[in-house]
Amino acid sequence: MFNFPAYVTVWGRVGRVSHIVLSLAVLVFLVLPVLVIMPLSFNSQPYFTYPLPGVSLRWYRAFVESPEWMLALKNTLIVGVASTLIATVLGVSASLGLMHPKLKGRALITGILVSPMIVPLIITAVGVYFAFSPFGLTNSLLGLILAHAALGVPFVVVTVTATLAGFNESLSRAGRNLGASPLRVFMQIKLPIIAPGVVSGALFAFATSFDEIVVALFLTGTDQRTVPRQMWSGIREQLSPTILAVATVLVVISTLLLITLEMLRRRTERLRGTANAF
């Protein structure tokens, strides 16, 4: 089953096998809650029990045919896309500024930019609520978009800054020596190379907005409910297998995002190796 070098001792083999078994056990422990709820979303009866009395798509159909869920999904997509665009633009701009060689106080500025990632969400939610209330941004999608953009900026800053750290600046200098403007150098030289990092940060920002609930509880009303808040309300008011169907859809979306991030990471490594070759 496992191929080990001939020089590995018996205890070395035992250690390798034990490490693999322990890693698989931890993986199963982490994934088991997700694996448990996904089959229940196909239950033909409104019961959370095993074995399943039958298999049906009725709860997925209930999700699609529900005006409340569709409104929540629409709001979630609007907020997620808009906040991701804002966070990406701000995060990329901040990352370019942080990489400037003459910047003073880089550590302090970086700490401020990534603070929304560190501060507990409940504190952020309360602060955003009191900051937005005088401007009438509560109970509105605009307020939630701005709040989620602030939460997504740190992820863009971290990923783009890490990508820029491996960027070969001689490429930019070569473009400037050939007469290109700074904007053209960025758009045609730097951006294509750091694009995987930018997209990775944008995906992290979108994922953060897509499943965020604490800030949404403070800033949204009945008409601005997102999918996580609708799930929260459903759990409090009436526990329905429809919530499990929605949770399964969210798990599938999250898995696709993780696969995309892994593909972008590998592409970034290839591009970095190519750029460093010049």
C-alpha atoms as a PDB file:
ATOM      1  CA  MET A   1       0.000   0.000   0.000  1.00  0.00           C
ATOM      2  CA  PHE A   2       2.761   2.443   0.955  1.00  0.00           C
ATOM      3  CA  ASN A   3       6.118   2.525  -0.802  1.00  0.00           C
ATOM      4  CA  PHE A   4       8.966   3.218   1.608  1.00  0.00           C
ATOM      5  CA  PRO A   5      12.696   3.446   0.870  1.00  0.00           C
ATOM      6  CA  ALA A   6      14.622   0.313   1.700  1.00  0.00           C
ATOM      7  CA  TYR A   7      16.764   2.100   4.272  1.00  0.00           C
ATOM      8  CA  VAL A   8      13.829   3.183   6.416  1.00  0.00           C
ATOM      9  CA  THR A   9      13.709   1.319   9.715  1.00  0.00           C
ATOM     10  CA  VAL A  10      10.683  -0.540  11.046  1.00  0.00           C
ATOM     11  CA  TRP A  11       9.987   2.200  13.582  1.00  0.00           C
ATOM     12  CA  GLY A  12      10.291   4.758  10.815  1.00  0.00           C
ATOM     13  CA  ARG A  13       7.654   2.924   8.823  1.00  0.00           C
ATOM     14  CA  VAL A  14       5.407   2.703  11.858  1.00  0.00           C
ATOM     15  CA  GLY A  15       5.796   6.427  12.401  1.00  0.00           C
ATOM     16  CA  ARG A  16       4.939   7.198   8.776  1.00  0.00           C
ATOM     17  CA  VAL A  17       1.843   4.984   8.846  1.00  0.00           C
ATOM     18  CA  SER A  18       0.760   6.424  12.208  1.00  0.00           C
ATOM     19  CA  HIS A  19       1.155   9.937  10.848  1.00  0.00           C
ATOM     20  CA  ILE A  20      -0.975   9.128   7.795  1.00  0.00           C
ATOM     21  CA  VAL A  21      -3.671   7.432   9.902  1.00  0.00           C
ATOM     22  CA  LEU A  22      -3.758  10.322  12.369  1.00  0.00           C
ATOM     23  CA  SER A  23      -3.998  12.873   9.545  1.00  0.00           C
ATOM     24  CA  LEU A  24      -6.878  10.969   7.947  1.00  0.00           C
ATOM     25  CA  ALA A  25      -8.634  10.727  11.331  1.00  0.00           C
ATOM     26  CA  VAL A  26      -8.347  14.501  11.852  1.00  0.00           C
ATOM     27  CA  LEU A  27      -9.606  15.115   8.311  1.00  0.00           C
ATOM     28  CA  VAL A  28     -12.628  12.857   8.861  1.00  0.00           C
ATOM     29  CA  PHE A  29     -13.313  14.560  12.203  1.00  0.00           C
ATOM     30  CA  LEU A  30     -13.344  17.983  10.533  1.00  0.00           C
ATOM     31  CA  VAL A  31     -15.396  16.960   7.499  1.00  0.00           C
ATOM     32  CA  LEU A  32     -17.844  14.606   9.262  1.00  0.00           C
ATOM     33  CA  PRO A  33     -20.361  17.324  10.312  1.00  0.00           C
ATOM     34  CA  VAL A  34     -20.634  18.429   6.688  1.00  0.00           C
ATOM     35  CA  LEU A  35     -20.938  14.878   5.427  1.00  0.00           C
ATOM     36  CA  VAL A  36     -23.725  14.223   7.933  1.00  0.00           C
ATOM     37  CA  ILE A  37     -25.996  17.099   6.946  1.00  0.00           C
ATOM     38  CA  MET A  38     -25.651  16.755   3.183  1.00  0.00           C
ATOM     39  CA  PRO A  39     -27.542  13.435   2.853  1.00  0.00           C
ATOM     40  CA  LEU A  40     -30.300  14.785   5.117  1.00  0.00           C
ATOM     41  CA  SER A  41     -31.027  17.500   2.551  1.00  0.00           C
ATOM     42  CA  PHE A  42     -32.257  14.729   0.233  1.00  0.00           C
ATOM     43  CA  ASN A  43     -34.619  13.278   2.841  1.00  0.00           C
ATOM     44  CA  SER A  44     -38.162  12.774   1.568  1.00  0.00           C
ATOM     45  CA  GLN A  45     -39.585  13.426   5.038  1.00  0.00           C
ATOM     46  CA  PRO A  46     -39.210  16.481   7.299  1.00  0.00           C
ATOM     47  CA  TYR A  47     -37.199  14.524   9.859  1.00  0.00           C
ATOM     48  CA  PHE A  48     -33.545  14.736  10.822  1.00  0.00           C
ATOM     49  CA  THR A  49     -33.028  11.016  11.291  1.00  0.00           C
ATOM     50  CA  TYR A  50     -31.055   8.153   9.818  1.00  0.00           C
ATOM     51  CA  PRO A  51     -31.668   5.934   7.938  1.00  0.00           C
ATOM     52  CA  LEU A  52     -33.476   8.041   5.369  1.00  0.00           C
ATOM     53  CA  PRO A  53     -37.049   6.865   4.720  1.00  0.00           C
ATOM     54  CA  GLY A  54     -36.681   7.999   1.112  1.00  0.00           C
ATOM     55  CA  VAL A  55     -34.750  10.238  -1.245  1.00  0.00           C
ATOM     56  CA  SER A  56     -36.271  13.380  -2.714  1.00  0.00           C
ATOM     57  CA  LEU A  57     -35.369  16.826  -4.059  1.00  0.00           C
ATOM     58  CA  ARG A  58     -38.401  18.444  -2.426  1.00  0.00           C
ATOM     59  CA  TRP A  59     -36.329  20.677  -0.146  1.00  0.00           C
ATOM     60  CA  TYR A  60     -34.250  21.978  -3.033  1.00  0.00           C
ATOM     61  CA  ARG A  61     -37.470  22.656  -4.901  1.00  0.00           C
ATOM     62  CA  ALA A  62     -38.826  24.429  -1.821  1.00  0.00           C
ATOM     63  CA  PHE A  63     -35.694  26.558  -1.769  1.00  0.00           C
ATOM     64  CA  VAL A  64     -36.014  27.562  -5.418  1.00  0.00           C
ATOM     65  CA  GLU A  65     -39.766  28.198  -5.191  1.00  0.00           C
ATOM     66  CA  SER A  66     -39.611  30.229  -1.967  1.00  0.00           C
ATOM     67  CA  PRO A  67     -39.830  34.025  -2.491  1.00  0.00           C
ATOM     68  CA  GLU A  68     -38.061  34.608   0.822  1.00  0.00           C
ATOM     69  CA  TRP A  69     -35.092  32.411  -0.051  1.00  0.00           C
ATOM     70  CA  MET A  70     -34.826  33.802  -3.567  1.00  0.00           C
ATOM     71  CA  LEU A  71     -34.841  37.360  -2.223  1.00  0.00           C
ATOM     72  CA  ALA A  72     -32.151  36.400   0.289  1.00  0.00           C
ATOM     73  CA  LEU A  73     -30.061  34.792  -2.453  1.00  0.00           C
ATOM     74  CA  LYS A  74     -30.462  37.865  -4.659  1.00  0.00           C
ATOM     75  CA  ASN A  75     -29.390  40.169  -1.831  1.00  0.00           C
ATOM     76  CA  THR A  76     -26.441  37.922  -1.013  1.00  0.00           C
ATOM     77  CA  LEU A  77     -25.174  37.956  -4.591  1.00  0.00           C
ATOM     78  CA  ILE A  78     -25.634  41.722  -4.940  1.00  0.00           C
ATOM     79  CA  VAL A  79     -23.809  42.426  -1.691  1.00  0.00           C
ATOM     80  CA  GLY A  80     -21.112  39.824  -2.387  1.00  0.00           C
ATOM     81  CA  VAL A  81     -20.268  41.023  -5.893  1.00  0.00           C
ATOM     82  CA  ALA A  82     -20.415  44.742  -5.087  1.00  0.00           C
ATOM     83  CA  SER A  83     -18.396  44.462  -1.874  1.00  0.00           C
ATOM     84  CA  THR A  84     -15.838  42.245  -3.613  1.00  0.00           C
ATOM     85  CA  LEU A  85     -15.288  44.790  -6.376  1.00  0.00           C
ATOM     86  CA  ILE A  86     -14.822  47.595  -3.851  1.00  0.00           C
ATOM     87  CA  ALA A  87     -12.544  45.504  -1.632  1.00  0.00           C
ATOM     88  CA  THR A  88     -10.442  44.403  -4.597  1.00  0.00           C
ATOM     89  CA  VAL A  89      -9.861  47.942  -5.865  1.00  0.00           C
ATOM     90  CA  LEU A  90      -9.028  49.257  -2.392  1.00  0.00           C
ATOM     91  CA  GLY A  91      -6.927  46.234  -1.480  1.00  0.00           C
ATOM     92  CA  VAL A  92      -4.826  46.310  -4.656  1.00  0.00           C
ATOM     93  CA  SER A  93      -4.263  50.056  -4.281  1.00  0.00           C
ATOM     94  CA  ALA A  94      -3.227  49.598  -0.650  1.00  0.00           C
ATOM     95  CA  SER A  95      -0.887  46.731  -1.542  1.00  0.00           C
ATOM     96  CA  LEU A  96       0.854  48.790  -4.221  1.00  0.00           C
ATOM     97  CA  GLY A  97       1.347  51.575  -1.691  1.00  0.00           C
ATOM     98  CA  LEU A  98       2.672  49.175   0.956  1.00  0.00           C
ATOM     99  CA  MET A  99       5.319  47.878  -1.455  1.00  0.00           C
ATOM    100  CA  HIS A 100       6.702  51.357  -2.103  1.00  0.00           C
ATOM    101  CA  PRO A 101      10.336  51.351  -0.922  1.00  0.00           C
ATOM    102  CA  LYS A 102      10.153  54.845   0.619  1.00  0.00           C
ATOM    103  CA  LEU A 103       6.992  54.193   2.658  1.00  0.00           C
ATOM    104  CA  LYS A 104       7.410  54.944   6.368  1.00  0.00           C
ATOM    105  CA  GLY A 105       5.409  53.209   9.078  1.00  0.00           C
ATOM    106  CA  ARG A 106       4.683  50.201   6.883  1.00  0.00           C
ATOM    107  CA  ALA A 107       4.095  47.884   9.841  1.00  0.00           C
ATOM    108  CA  LEU A 108       1.616  50.271  11.465  1.00  0.00           C
ATOM    109  CA  ILE A 109      -0.300  50.845   8.233  1.00  0.00           C
ATOM    110  CA  THR A 110      -0.407  47.115   7.530  1.00  0.00           C
ATOM    111  CA  GLY A 111      -1.747  46.447  11.014  1.00  0.00           C
ATOM    112  CA  ILE A 112      -4.519  48.989  10.513  1.00  0.00           C
ATOM    113  CA  LEU A 113      -5.449  47.549   7.121  1.00  0.00           C
ATOM    114  CA  VAL A 114      -5.711  43.966   8.364  1.00  0.00           C
ATOM    115  CA  SER A 115      -7.374  44.872  11.679  1.00  0.00           C
ATOM    116  CA  PRO A 116     -10.890  43.941  10.440  1.00  0.00           C
ATOM    117  CA  MET A 117      -9.561  40.400  10.092  1.00  0.00           C
ATOM    118  CA  ILE A 118      -8.432  40.342  13.732  1.00  0.00           C
ATOM    119  CA  VAL A 119     -11.095  42.333  15.595  1.00  0.00           C
ATOM    120  CA  PRO A 120     -14.062  40.181  16.724  1.00  0.00           C
ATOM    121  CA  LEU A 121     -16.993  40.527  14.356  1.00  0.00           C
ATOM    122  CA  ILE A 122     -19.416  41.522  17.107  1.00  0.00           C
ATOM    123  CA  ILE A 123     -17.252  44.567  17.896  1.00  0.00           C
ATOM    124  CA  THR A 124     -17.011  45.438  14.221  1.00  0.00           C
ATOM    125  CA  ALA A 125     -20.769  45.045  13.805  1.00  0.00           C
ATOM    126  CA  VAL A 126     -21.568  47.340  16.735  1.00  0.00           C
ATOM    127  CA  GLY A 127     -19.055  49.929  15.569  1.00  0.00           C
ATOM    128  CA  VAL A 128     -20.344  49.860  11.998  1.00  0.00           C
ATOM    129  CA  TYR A 129     -23.928  50.152  13.205  1.00  0.00           C
ATOM    130  CA  PHE A 130     -23.257  53.311  15.237  1.00  0.00           C
ATOM    131  CA  ALA A 131     -21.049  54.763  12.485  1.00  0.00           C
ATOM    132  CA  PHE A 132     -23.642  54.173   9.745  1.00  0.00           C
ATOM    133  CA  SER A 133     -26.765  55.132  11.702  1.00  0.00           C
ATOM    134  CA  PRO A 134     -26.342  58.924  11.369  1.00  0.00           C
ATOM    135  CA  PHE A 135     -26.068  58.541   7.584  1.00  0.00           C
ATOM    136  CA  GLY A 136     -29.144  56.335   7.204  1.00  0.00           C
ATOM    137  CA  LEU A 137     -27.104  53.359   5.990  1.00  0.00           C
ATOM    138  CA  THR A 138     -28.708  50.868   8.331  1.00  0.00           C
ATOM    139  CA  ASN A 139     -31.482  48.646   6.974  1.00  0.00           C
ATOM    140  CA  SER A 140     -30.017  49.091   3.500  1.00  0.00           C
ATOM    141  CA  LEU A 141     -27.947  47.016   1.124  1.00  0.00           C
ATOM    142  CA  LEU A 142     -25.567  49.932   0.592  1.00  0.00           C
ATOM    143  CA  GLY A 143     -24.548  49.917   4.239  1.00  0.00           C
ATOM    144  CA  LEU A 144     -24.025  46.162   4.184  1.00  0.00           C
ATOM    145  CA  ILE A 145     -21.975  46.421   0.968  1.00  0.00           C
ATOM    146  CA  LEU A 146     -19.670  49.024   2.517  1.00  0.00           C
ATOM    147  CA  ALA A 147     -19.301  46.995   5.714  1.00  0.00           C
ATOM    148  CA  HIS A 148     -18.526  43.775   3.840  1.00  0.00           C
ATOM    149  CA  ALA A 149     -16.061  45.651   1.626  1.00  0.00           C
ATOM    150  CA  ALA A 150     -14.193  46.727   4.756  1.00  0.00           C
ATOM    151  CA  LEU A 151     -14.154  43.108   5.940  1.00  0.00           C
ATOM    152  CA  GLY A 152     -12.849  41.899   2.568  1.00  0.00           C
ATOM    153  CA  VAL A 153     -10.028  44.426   2.120  1.00  0.00           C
ATOM    154  CA  PRO A 154      -7.597  42.625   4.509  1.00  0.00           C
ATOM    155  CA  PHE A 155      -7.813  39.397   2.496  1.00  0.00           C
ATOM    156  CA  VAL A 156      -7.008  41.246  -0.722  1.00  0.00           C
ATOM    157  CA  VAL A 157      -4.152  43.128   0.933  1.00  0.00           C
ATOM    158  CA  VAL A 158      -2.592  39.958   2.338  1.00  0.00           C
ATOM    159  CA  THR A 159      -2.772  37.928  -0.888  1.00  0.00           C
ATOM    160  CA  VAL A 160      -1.752  40.738  -3.255  1.00  0.00           C
ATOM    161  CA  THR A 161       1.101  41.885  -1.005  1.00  0.00           C
ATOM    162  CA  ALA A 162       2.416  38.321  -0.850  1.00  0.00           C
ATOM    163  CA  THR A 163       2.239  38.113  -4.653  1.00  0.00           C
ATOM    164  CA  LEU A 164       3.970  41.476  -5.109  1.00  0.00           C
ATOM    165  CA  ALA A 165       6.772  40.333  -2.802  1.00  0.00           C
ATOM    166  CA  GLY A 166       7.851  37.873  -5.476  1.00  0.00           C
ATOM    167  CA  PHE A 167       7.420  40.270  -8.371  1.00  0.00           C
ATOM    168  CA  ASN A 168      10.548  41.137 -10.346  1.00  0.00           C
ATOM    169  CA  GLU A 169      10.624  44.934 -10.422  1.00  0.00           C
ATOM    170  CA  SER A 170      13.153  44.913 -13.260  1.00  0.00           C
ATOM    171  CA  LEU A 171      10.204  44.175 -15.553  1.00  0.00           C
ATOM    172  CA  SER A 172       8.540  47.432 -14.508  1.00  0.00           C
ATOM    173  CA  ARG A 173      11.755  49.364 -14.931  1.00  0.00           C
ATOM    174  CA  ALA A 174      12.198  47.891 -18.393  1.00  0.00           C
ATOM    175  CA  GLY A 175       8.707  49.048 -19.341  1.00  0.00           C
ATOM    176  CA  ARG A 176       9.374  52.558 -18.021  1.00  0.00           C
ATOM    177  CA  ASN A 177      12.690  52.712 -19.920  1.00  0.00           C
ATOM    178  CA  LEU A 178      10.791  51.887 -23.096  1.00  0.00           C
ATOM    179  CA  GLY A 179       8.561  54.928 -22.571  1.00  0.00           C
ATOM    180  CA  ALA A 180       5.469  53.359 -21.031  1.00  0.00           C
ATOM    181  CA  SER A 181       3.524  55.343 -18.438  1.00  0.00           C
ATOM    182  CA  PRO A 182       3.185  53.982 -14.862  1.00  0.00           C
ATOM    183  CA  LEU A 183      -0.462  53.115 -15.524  1.00  0.00           C
ATOM    184  CA  ARG A 184       0.401  51.224 -18.714  1.00  0.00           C
ATOM    185  CA  VAL A 185       3.214  49.374 -16.942  1.00  0.00           C
ATOM    186  CA  PHE A 186       0.801  48.318 -14.233  1.00  0.00           C
ATOM    187  CA  MET A 187      -1.992  47.275 -16.594  1.00  0.00           C
ATOM    188  CA  GLN A 188       0.161  45.429 -19.153  1.00  0.00           C
ATOM    189  CA  ILE A 189       3.078  44.092 -17.104  1.00  0.00           C
ATOM    190  CA  LYS A 190       2.431  43.974 -13.388  1.00  0.00           C
ATOM    191  CA  LEU A 191      -1.298  43.197 -13.283  1.00  0.00           C
ATOM    192  CA  PRO A 192      -1.169  40.107 -15.560  1.00  0.00           C
ATOM    193  CA  ILE A 193       1.559  38.613 -13.359  1.00  0.00           C
ATOM    194  CA  ILE A 194      -0.118  39.354 -10.018  1.00  0.00           C
ATOM    195  CA  ALA A 195      -3.590  38.546 -11.363  1.00  0.00           C
ATOM    196  CA  PRO A 196      -3.757  35.162  -9.573  1.00  0.00           C
ATOM    197  CA  GLY A 197      -3.120  36.899  -6.249  1.00  0.00           C
ATOM    198  CA  VAL A 198      -5.720  39.550  -7.034  1.00  0.00           C
ATOM    199  CA  VAL A 199      -8.315  36.934  -7.963  1.00  0.00           C
ATOM    200  CA  SER A 200      -7.463  34.891  -4.871  1.00  0.00           C
ATOM    201  CA  GLY A 201      -7.998  37.910  -2.644  1.00  0.00           C
ATOM    202  CA  ALA A 202     -11.248  38.711  -4.423  1.00  0.00           C
ATOM    203  CA  LEU A 203     -12.484  35.156  -3.895  1.00  0.00           C
ATOM    204  CA  PHE A 204     -11.621  35.344  -0.206  1.00  0.00           C
ATOM    205  CA  ALA A 205     -13.475  38.659   0.035  1.00  0.00           C
ATOM    206  CA  PHE A 206     -16.501  37.185  -1.730  1.00  0.00           C
ATOM    207  CA  ALA A 207     -16.501  34.121   0.514  1.00  0.00           C
ATOM    208  CA  THR A 208     -16.310  36.376   3.574  1.00  0.00           C
ATOM    209  CA  SER A 209     -19.326  38.357   2.415  1.00  0.00           C
ATOM    210  CA  PHE A 210     -21.222  35.278   1.253  1.00  0.00           C
ATOM    211  CA  ASP A 211     -21.425  33.601   4.675  1.00  0.00           C
ATOM    212  CA  GLU A 212     -21.192  36.619   7.011  1.00  0.00           C
ATOM    213  CA  ILE A 213     -24.089  36.930   9.470  1.00  0.00           C
ATOM    214  CA  VAL A 214     -23.065  39.043  12.484  1.00  0.00           C
ATOM    215  CA  VAL A 215     -22.809  42.365  10.640  1.00  0.00           C
ATOM    216  CA  ALA A 216     -25.877  41.440   8.570  1.00  0.00           C
ATOM    217  CA  LEU A 217     -27.931  41.043  11.754  1.00  0.00           C
ATOM    218  CA  PHE A 218     -27.095  44.625  12.730  1.00  0.00           C
ATOM    219  CA  LEU A 219     -27.422  46.337   9.358  1.00  0.00           C
ATOM    220  CA  THR A 220     -30.243  44.569   7.514  1.00  0.00           C
ATOM    221  CA  GLY A 221     -34.002  44.562   7.862  1.00  0.00           C
ATOM    222  CA  THR A 222     -36.634  42.181   6.560  1.00  0.00           C
ATOM    223  CA  ASP A 223     -36.231  43.258   2.934  1.00  0.00           C
ATOM    224  CA  GLN A 224     -32.429  43.117   3.039  1.00  0.00           C
ATOM    225  CA  ARG A 225     -32.034  39.623   4.448  1.00  0.00           C
ATOM    226  CA  THR A 226     -29.100  37.614   3.131  1.00  0.00           C
ATOM    227  CA  VAL A 227     -28.911  33.820   2.928  1.00  0.00           C
ATOM    228  CA  PRO A 228     -27.009  33.434   6.243  1.00  0.00           C
ATOM    229  CA  ARG A 229     -29.501  35.686   8.029  1.00  0.00           C
ATOM    230  CA  GLN A 230     -32.423  33.836   6.447  1.00  0.00           C
ATOM    231  CA  MET A 231     -30.909  30.573   7.694  1.00  0.00           C
ATOM    232  CA  TRP A 232     -30.540  32.073  11.159  1.00  0.00           C
ATOM    233  CA  SER A 233     -34.157  33.189  11.162  1.00  0.00           C
ATOM    234  CA  GLY A 234     -35.291  29.793   9.894  1.00  0.00           C
ATOM    235  CA  ILE A 235     -33.470  28.006  12.703  1.00  0.00           C
ATOM    236  CA  ARG A 236     -35.058  30.274  15.304  1.00  0.00           C
ATOM    237  CA  GLU A 237     -38.586  30.201  13.903  1.00  0.00           C
ATOM    238  CA  GLN A 238     -39.070  26.812  12.241  1.00  0.00           C
ATOM    239  CA  LEU A 239     -36.439  24.159  11.703  1.00  0.00           C
ATOM    240  CA  SER A 240     -36.962  22.919   8.154  1.00  0.00           C
ATOM    241  CA  PRO A 241     -34.862  20.588   5.960  1.00  0.00           C
ATOM    242  CA  THR A 242     -34.817  23.450   3.453  1.00  0.00           C
ATOM    243  CA  ILE A 243     -32.043  24.928   5.574  1.00  0.00           C
ATOM    244  CA  LEU A 244     -30.027  21.751   5.021  1.00  0.00           C
ATOM    245  CA  ALA A 245     -30.540  22.074   1.272  1.00  0.00           C
ATOM    246  CA  VAL A 246     -29.287  25.655   1.396  1.00  0.00           C
ATOM    247  CA  ALA A 247     -26.349  24.582   3.571  1.00  0.00           C
ATOM    248  CA  THR A 248     -25.451  21.910   1.009  1.00  0.00           C
ATOM    249  CA  VAL A 249     -25.492  24.511  -1.764  1.00  0.00           C
ATOM    250  CA  LEU A 250     -23.200  26.743   0.305  1.00  0.00           C
ATOM    251  CA  VAL A 251     -20.812  23.849   0.919  1.00  0.00           C
ATOM    252  CA  VAL A 252     -20.647  23.115  -2.809  1.00  0.00           C
ATOM    253  CA  ILE A 253     -19.939  26.777  -3.577  1.00  0.00           C
ATOM    254  CA  SER A 254     -17.232  26.917  -0.894  1.00  0.00           C
ATOM    255  CA  THR A 255     -15.629  23.760  -2.278  1.00  0.00           C
ATOM    256  CA  LEU A 256     -15.551  25.243  -5.775  1.00  0.00           C
ATOM    257  CA  LEU A 257     -13.935  28.395  -4.396  1.00  0.00           C
ATOM    258  CA  LEU A 258     -11.259  26.331  -2.637  1.00  0.00           C
ATOM    259  CA  ILE A 259     -10.522  24.403  -5.825  1.00  0.00           C
ATOM    260  CA  THR A 260     -10.240  27.670  -7.734  1.00  0.00           C
ATOM    261  CA  LEU A 261      -7.882  29.098  -5.114  1.00  0.00           C
ATOM    262  CA  GLU A 262      -5.649  26.030  -5.321  1.00  0.00           C
ATOM    263  CA  MET A 263      -5.490  26.312  -9.103  1.00  0.00           C
ATOM    264  CA  LEU A 264      -4.609  30.009  -8.817  1.00  0.00           C
ATOM    265  CA  ARG A 265      -1.922  29.241  -6.248  1.00  0.00           C
ATOM    266  CA  ARG A 266      -0.242  26.787  -8.586  1.00  0.00           C
ATOM    267  CA  ARG A 267      -0.468  29.249 -11.456  1.00  0.00           C
ATOM    268  CA  THR A 268       1.087  31.949  -9.272  1.00  0.00           C
ATOM    269  CA  GLU A 269       4.034  29.694  -8.496  1.00  0.00           C
ATOM    270  CA  ARG A 270       4.582  28.999 -12.186  1.00  0.00           C
ATOM    271  CA  LEU A 271       4.367  32.681 -13.112  1.00  0.00           C
ATOM    272  CA  ARG A 272       6.718  33.641 -10.274  1.00  0.00           C
ATOM    273  CA  GLY A 273       9.267  31.112 -11.451  1.00  0.00           C
ATOM    274  CA  THR A 274       8.996  32.409 -15.009  1.00  0.00           C
ATOM    275  CA  ALA A 275       9.324  36.060 -13.937  1.00  0.00           C
ATOM    276  CA  ASN A 276      12.370  35.342 -11.750  1.00  0.00           C
ATOM    277  CA  ALA A 277      14.070  33.688 -14.698  1.00  0.00           C
ATOM    278  CA  PHE A 278      14.484  37.043 -16.450  1.00  0.00           C
END
